[in-house]
Amino acid sequence: MLSSAPGNDAPIGGVKIVTGSGWLAARPSGTEDVYKLYAESFKGPEHLAQIQEEGQALVSSALKG
């Protein structure tokens, strides 16, 4: 899990979770009262949907406290 850029250690304004088969980044929007999810799968569309669903559940749980 990363909260800063690996190259220059600059804050990324959220968190990024990297695995061998994909990644997910979550950060609050700068203009809206929402958070944004960014994701990529190296396996395909079904795996990407799984990453997105699990990421959304993780962020929602964290925001509830």
PDB file of N, CA and C in Angstrom:
ATOM      1  N   MET A   1       0.860  -1.164   0.000  1.00  0.00           N
ATOM      2  CA  MET A   1       0.000   0.000   0.000  1.00  0.00           C
ATOM      3  C   MET A   1       0.910   1.231   0.000  1.00  0.00           C
ATOM      4  N   LEU A   2       0.585   2.199  -0.844  1.00  0.00           N
ATOM      5  CA  LEU A   2       1.371   3.426  -0.966  1.00  0.00           C
ATOM      6  C   LEU A   2       0.527   4.643  -0.636  1.00  0.00           C
ATOM      7  N   SER A   3       1.125   5.641  -0.008  1.00  0.00           N
ATOM      8  CA  SER A   3       0.458   6.933   0.188  1.00  0.00           C
ATOM      9  C   SER A   3       1.330   8.064  -0.345  1.00  0.00           C
ATOM     10  N   SER A   4       2.471   7.698  -0.930  1.00  0.00           N
ATOM     11  CA  SER A   4       3.349   8.680  -1.566  1.00  0.00           C
ATOM     12  C   SER A   4       3.953   8.045  -2.817  1.00  0.00           C
ATOM     13  N   ALA A   5       4.365   8.901  -3.750  1.00  0.00           N
ATOM     14  CA  ALA A   5       4.920   8.421  -5.012  1.00  0.00           C
ATOM     15  C   ALA A   5       6.272   7.757  -4.777  1.00  0.00           C
ATOM     16  N   PRO A   6       6.503   6.598  -5.371  1.00  0.00           N
ATOM     17  CA  PRO A   6       7.765   5.910  -5.141  1.00  0.00           C
ATOM     18  C   PRO A   6       8.982   6.664  -5.685  1.00  0.00           C
ATOM     19  N   GLY A   7       8.816   7.430  -6.750  1.00  0.00           N
ATOM     20  CA  GLY A   7       9.951   8.111  -7.361  1.00  0.00           C
ATOM     21  C   GLY A   7      10.480   9.286  -6.570  1.00  0.00           C
ATOM     22  N   ASN A   8       9.558  10.110  -6.034  1.00  0.00           N
ATOM     23  CA  ASN A   8      10.009  11.328  -5.337  1.00  0.00           C
ATOM     24  C   ASN A   8       9.398  11.488  -3.946  1.00  0.00           C
ATOM     25  N   ASP A   9       8.676  10.503  -3.481  1.00  0.00           N
ATOM     26  CA  ASP A   9       8.056  10.493  -2.153  1.00  0.00           C
ATOM     27  C   ASP A   9       7.021  11.609  -1.962  1.00  0.00           C
ATOM     28  N   ALA A  10       6.503  12.168  -3.069  1.00  0.00           N
ATOM     29  CA  ALA A  10       5.458  13.194  -2.983  1.00  0.00           C
ATOM     30  C   ALA A  10       4.141  12.544  -2.575  1.00  0.00           C
ATOM     31  N   PRO A  11       3.351  13.211  -1.740  1.00  0.00           N
ATOM     32  CA  PRO A  11       2.055  12.639  -1.341  1.00  0.00           C
ATOM     33  C   PRO A  11       1.128  12.486  -2.547  1.00  0.00           C
ATOM     34  N   ILE A  12       0.366  11.396  -2.573  1.00  0.00           N
ATOM     35  CA  ILE A  12      -0.552  11.177  -3.696  1.00  0.00           C
ATOM     36  C   ILE A  12      -1.985  11.569  -3.345  1.00  0.00           C
ATOM     37  N   GLY A  13      -2.218  12.025  -2.136  1.00  0.00           N
ATOM     38  CA  GLY A  13      -3.550  12.489  -1.756  1.00  0.00           C
ATOM     39  C   GLY A  13      -4.552  11.376  -1.549  1.00  0.00           C
ATOM     40  N   GLY A  14      -4.086  10.186  -1.307  1.00  0.00           N
ATOM     41  CA  GLY A  14      -4.950   9.039  -1.094  1.00  0.00           C
ATOM     42  C   GLY A  14      -4.088   7.824  -0.843  1.00  0.00           C
ATOM     43  N   VAL A  15      -4.593   6.662  -1.235  1.00  0.00           N
ATOM     44  CA  VAL A  15      -3.826   5.425  -1.092  1.00  0.00           C
ATOM     45  C   VAL A  15      -3.853   4.647  -2.396  1.00  0.00           C
ATOM     46  N   LYS A  16      -2.819   3.881  -2.628  1.00  0.00           N
ATOM     47  CA  LYS A  16      -2.752   3.002  -3.793  1.00  0.00           C
ATOM     48  C   LYS A  16      -2.331   1.626  -3.301  1.00  0.00           C
ATOM     49  N   ILE A  17      -3.092   0.630  -3.694  1.00  0.00           N
ATOM     50  CA  ILE A  17      -2.815  -0.751  -3.324  1.00  0.00           C
ATOM     51  C   ILE A  17      -2.387  -1.474  -4.597  1.00  0.00           C
ATOM     52  N   VAL A  18      -1.197  -2.062  -4.568  1.00  0.00           N
ATOM     53  CA  VAL A  18      -0.635  -2.718  -5.740  1.00  0.00           C
ATOM     54  C   VAL A  18      -0.463  -4.204  -5.441  1.00  0.00           C
ATOM     55  N   THR A  19      -0.898  -5.043  -6.389  1.00  0.00           N
ATOM     56  CA  THR A  19      -0.689  -6.482  -6.281  1.00  0.00           C
ATOM     57  C   THR A  19      -0.016  -6.956  -7.569  1.00  0.00           C
ATOM     58  N   GLY A  20       0.284  -8.206  -7.640  1.00  0.00           N
ATOM     59  CA  GLY A  20       0.895  -8.761  -8.838  1.00  0.00           C
ATOM     60  C   GLY A  20      -0.028  -8.798 -10.044  1.00  0.00           C
ATOM     61  N   SER A  21      -1.339  -8.692  -9.817  1.00  0.00           N
ATOM     62  CA  SER A  21      -2.282  -8.813 -10.931  1.00  0.00           C
ATOM     63  C   SER A  21      -3.149  -7.572 -11.144  1.00  0.00           C
ATOM     64  N   GLY A  22      -2.823  -6.471 -10.457  1.00  0.00           N
ATOM     65  CA  GLY A  22      -3.586  -5.240 -10.664  1.00  0.00           C
ATOM     66  C   GLY A  22      -3.318  -4.232  -9.564  1.00  0.00           C
ATOM     67  N   TRP A  23      -4.022  -3.110  -9.642  1.00  0.00           N
ATOM     68  CA  TRP A  23      -3.872  -2.084  -8.614  1.00  0.00           C
ATOM     69  C   TRP A  23      -5.166  -1.289  -8.478  1.00  0.00           C
ATOM     70  N   LEU A  24      -5.284  -0.601  -7.338  1.00  0.00           N
ATOM     71  CA  LEU A  24      -6.429   0.241  -7.031  1.00  0.00           C
ATOM     72  C   LEU A  24      -5.913   1.480  -6.315  1.00  0.00           C
ATOM     73  N   ALA A  25      -6.383   2.634  -6.718  1.00  0.00           N
ATOM     74  CA  ALA A  25      -6.054   3.874  -6.020  1.00  0.00           C
ATOM     75  C   ALA A  25      -7.359   4.542  -5.618  1.00  0.00           C
ATOM     76  N   ALA A  26      -7.395   5.115  -4.430  1.00  0.00           N
ATOM     77  CA  ALA A  26      -8.573   5.823  -3.923  1.00  0.00           C
ATOM     78  C   ALA A  26      -8.119   7.144  -3.338  1.00  0.00           C
ATOM     79  N   ARG A  27      -8.849   8.206  -3.677  1.00  0.00           N
ATOM     80  CA  ARG A  27      -8.531   9.522  -3.131  1.00  0.00           C
ATOM     81  C   ARG A  27      -9.779  10.376  -3.141  1.00  0.00           C
ATOM     82  N   PRO A  28      -9.858  11.339  -2.238  1.00  0.00           N
ATOM     83  CA  PRO A  28     -11.020  12.234  -2.255  1.00  0.00           C
ATOM     84  C   PRO A  28     -10.959  13.157  -3.465  1.00  0.00           C
ATOM     85  N   SER A  29     -12.127  13.518  -3.968  1.00  0.00           N
ATOM     86  CA  SER A  29     -12.201  14.479  -5.062  1.00  0.00           C
ATOM     87  C   SER A  29     -11.817  15.859  -4.533  1.00  0.00           C
ATOM     88  N   GLY A  30     -11.177  16.640  -5.350  1.00  0.00           N
ATOM     89  CA  GLY A  30     -10.817  17.996  -4.954  1.00  0.00           C
ATOM     90  C   GLY A  30     -11.948  18.993  -5.125  1.00  0.00           C
ATOM     91  N   THR A  31     -13.005  18.611  -5.855  1.00  0.00           N
ATOM     92  CA  THR A  31     -14.091  19.550  -6.155  1.00  0.00           C
ATOM     93  C   THR A  31     -15.470  19.073  -5.716  1.00  0.00           C
ATOM     94  N   GLU A  32     -15.598  17.796  -5.348  1.00  0.00           N
ATOM     95  CA  GLU A  32     -16.893  17.248  -4.965  1.00  0.00           C
ATOM     96  C   GLU A  32     -16.765  16.492  -3.648  1.00  0.00           C
ATOM     97  N   ASP A  33     -17.873  16.268  -2.987  1.00  0.00           N
ATOM     98  CA  ASP A  33     -17.879  15.523  -1.727  1.00  0.00           C
ATOM     99  C   ASP A  33     -18.003  14.032  -2.019  1.00  0.00           C
ATOM    100  N   VAL A  34     -17.046  13.506  -2.764  1.00  0.00           N
ATOM    101  CA  VAL A  34     -17.002  12.094  -3.134  1.00  0.00           C
ATOM    102  C   VAL A  34     -15.543  11.648  -3.138  1.00  0.00           C
ATOM    103  N   TYR A  35     -15.346  10.352  -3.213  1.00  0.00           N
ATOM    104  CA  TYR A  35     -13.997   9.843  -3.431  1.00  0.00           C
ATOM    105  C   TYR A  35     -13.952   9.223  -4.815  1.00  0.00           C
ATOM    106  N   LYS A  36     -12.763   9.146  -5.372  1.00  0.00           N
ATOM    107  CA  LYS A  36     -12.575   8.594  -6.709  1.00  0.00           C
ATOM    108  C   LYS A  36     -11.750   7.315  -6.605  1.00  0.00           C
ATOM    109  N   LEU A  37     -12.150   6.332  -7.396  1.00  0.00           N
ATOM    110  CA  LEU A  37     -11.414   5.077  -7.479  1.00  0.00           C
ATOM    111  C   LEU A  37     -10.814   4.948  -8.874  1.00  0.00           C
ATOM    112  N   TYR A  38      -9.582   4.540  -8.914  1.00  0.00           N
ATOM    113  CA  TYR A  38      -8.899   4.251 -10.172  1.00  0.00           C
ATOM    114  C   TYR A  38      -8.373   2.834 -10.043  1.00  0.00           C
ATOM    115  N   ALA A  39      -8.515   2.039 -11.087  1.00  0.00           N
ATOM    116  CA  ALA A  39      -8.096   0.643 -10.982  1.00  0.00           C
ATOM    117  C   ALA A  39      -7.630   0.128 -12.331  1.00  0.00           C
ATOM    118  N   GLU A  40      -6.788  -0.885 -12.257  1.00  0.00           N
ATOM    119  CA  GLU A  40      -6.331  -1.571 -13.462  1.00  0.00           C
ATOM    120  C   GLU A  40      -6.130  -3.033 -13.114  1.00  0.00           C
ATOM    121  N   SER A  41      -6.565  -3.895 -14.018  1.00  0.00           N
ATOM    122  CA  SER A  41      -6.337  -5.334 -13.887  1.00  0.00           C
ATOM    123  C   SER A  41      -5.411  -5.777 -15.003  1.00  0.00           C
ATOM    124  N   PHE A  42      -4.516  -6.686 -14.681  1.00  0.00           N
ATOM    125  CA  PHE A  42      -3.645  -7.265 -15.692  1.00  0.00           C
ATOM    126  C   PHE A  42      -4.195  -8.598 -16.188  1.00  0.00           C
ATOM    127  N   LYS A  43      -5.414  -8.954 -15.714  1.00  0.00           N
ATOM    128  CA  LYS A  43      -6.026 -10.233 -16.073  1.00  0.00           C
ATOM    129  C   LYS A  43      -7.232 -10.098 -17.006  1.00  0.00           C
ATOM    130  N   GLY A  44      -7.962  -8.989 -16.944  1.00  0.00           N
ATOM    131  CA  GLY A  44      -9.126  -8.854 -17.806  1.00  0.00           C
ATOM    132  C   GLY A  44     -10.280  -8.133 -17.146  1.00  0.00           C
ATOM    133  N   PRO A  45     -11.376  -7.953 -17.889  1.00  0.00           N
ATOM    134  CA  PRO A  45     -12.520  -7.167 -17.421  1.00  0.00           C
ATOM    135  C   PRO A  45     -13.209  -7.717 -16.177  1.00  0.00           C
ATOM    136  N   GLU A  46     -13.321  -9.036 -16.052  1.00  0.00           N
ATOM    137  CA  GLU A  46     -13.976  -9.609 -14.880  1.00  0.00           C
ATOM    138  C   GLU A  46     -13.152  -9.334 -13.618  1.00  0.00           C
ATOM    139  N   HIS A  47     -11.861  -9.464 -13.743  1.00  0.00           N
ATOM    140  CA  HIS A  47     -10.978  -9.197 -12.609  1.00  0.00           C
ATOM    141  C   HIS A  47     -11.006  -7.717 -12.241  1.00  0.00           C
ATOM    142  N   LEU A  48     -11.059  -6.851 -13.238  1.00  0.00           N
ATOM    143  CA  LEU A  48     -11.156  -5.414 -12.984  1.00  0.00           C
ATOM    144  C   LEU A  48     -12.429  -5.100 -12.197  1.00  0.00           C
ATOM    145  N   ALA A  49     -13.544  -5.692 -12.582  1.00  0.00           N
ATOM    146  CA  ALA A  49     -14.801  -5.480 -11.855  1.00  0.00           C
ATOM    147  C   ALA A  49     -14.666  -5.934 -10.402  1.00  0.00           C
ATOM    148  N   GLN A  50     -13.971  -7.047 -10.181  1.00  0.00           N
ATOM    149  CA  GLN A  50     -13.753  -7.540  -8.820  1.00  0.00           C
ATOM    150  C   GLN A  50     -12.905  -6.554  -8.011  1.00  0.00           C
ATOM    151  N   ILE A  51     -11.837  -6.037  -8.611  1.00  0.00           N
ATOM    152  CA  ILE A  51     -10.992  -5.048  -7.932  1.00  0.00           C
ATOM    153  C   ILE A  51     -11.816  -3.815  -7.562  1.00  0.00           C
ATOM    154  N   GLN A  52     -12.634  -3.342  -8.486  1.00  0.00           N
ATOM    155  CA  GLN A  52     -13.445  -2.149  -8.240  1.00  0.00           C
ATOM    156  C   GLN A  52     -14.456  -2.387  -7.125  1.00  0.00           C
ATOM    157  N   GLU A  53     -15.134  -3.530  -7.144  1.00  0.00           N
ATOM    158  CA  GLU A  53     -16.122  -3.834  -6.111  1.00  0.00           C
ATOM    159  C   GLU A  53     -15.477  -3.948  -4.730  1.00  0.00           C
ATOM    160  N   GLU A  54     -14.378  -4.664  -4.656  1.00  0.00           N
ATOM    161  CA  GLU A  54     -13.698  -4.840  -3.369  1.00  0.00           C
ATOM    162  C   GLU A  54     -13.099  -3.520  -2.883  1.00  0.00           C
ATOM    163  N   GLY A  55     -12.583  -2.713  -3.805  1.00  0.00           N
ATOM    164  CA  GLY A  55     -12.037  -1.407  -3.433  1.00  0.00           C
ATOM    165  C   GLY A  55     -13.107  -0.477  -2.903  1.00  0.00           C
ATOM    166  N   GLN A  56     -14.259  -0.461  -3.555  1.00  0.00           N
ATOM    167  CA  GLN A  56     -15.351   0.391  -3.099  1.00  0.00           C
ATOM    168  C   GLN A  56     -15.824  -0.037  -1.717  1.00  0.00           C
ATOM    169  N   ALA A  57     -15.924  -1.337  -1.479  1.00  0.00           N
ATOM    170  CA  ALA A  57     -16.336  -1.832  -0.168  1.00  0.00           C
ATOM    171  C   ALA A  57     -15.305  -1.451   0.899  1.00  0.00           C
ATOM    172  N   LEU A  58     -14.031  -1.558   0.565  1.00  0.00           N
ATOM    173  CA  LEU A  58     -12.966  -1.212   1.517  1.00  0.00           C
ATOM    174  C   LEU A  58     -12.999   0.262   1.879  1.00  0.00           C
ATOM    175  N   VAL A  59     -13.130   1.138   0.887  1.00  0.00           N
ATOM    176  CA  VAL A  59     -13.168   2.570   1.138  1.00  0.00           C
ATOM    177  C   VAL A  59     -14.430   2.941   1.918  1.00  0.00           C
ATOM    178  N   SER A  60     -15.564   2.394   1.542  1.00  0.00           N
ATOM    179  CA  SER A  60     -16.809   2.691   2.249  1.00  0.00           C
ATOM    180  C   SER A  60     -16.710   2.278   3.707  1.00  0.00           C
ATOM    181  N   SER A  61     -16.133   1.114   3.967  1.00  0.00           N
ATOM    182  CA  SER A  61     -15.956   0.656   5.347  1.00  0.00           C
ATOM    183  C   SER A  61     -15.033   1.577   6.121  1.00  0.00           C
ATOM    184  N   ALA A  62     -13.953   2.010   5.503  1.00  0.00           N
ATOM    185  CA  ALA A  62     -13.004   2.910   6.180  1.00  0.00           C
ATOM    186  C   ALA A  62     -13.637   4.255   6.496  1.00  0.00           C
ATOM    187  N   LEU A  63     -14.481   4.752   5.615  1.00  0.00           N
ATOM    188  CA  LEU A  63     -15.111   6.052   5.833  1.00  0.00           C
ATOM    189  C   LEU A  63     -16.184   6.008   6.927  1.00  0.00           C
ATOM    190  N   LYS A  64     -16.751   4.822   7.159  1.00  0.00           N
ATOM    191  CA  LYS A  64     -17.765   4.680   8.217  1.00  0.00           C
ATOM    192  C   LYS A  64     -17.115   4.732   9.595  1.00  0.00           C
ATOM    193  N   GLY A  65     -15.819   4.472   9.655  1.00  0.00           N
ATOM    194  CA  GLY A  65     -15.104   4.554  10.929  1.00  0.00           C
ATOM    195  C   GLY A  65     -14.856   3.247  11.467  1.00  0.00           C
TER     196      GLY A  65
END
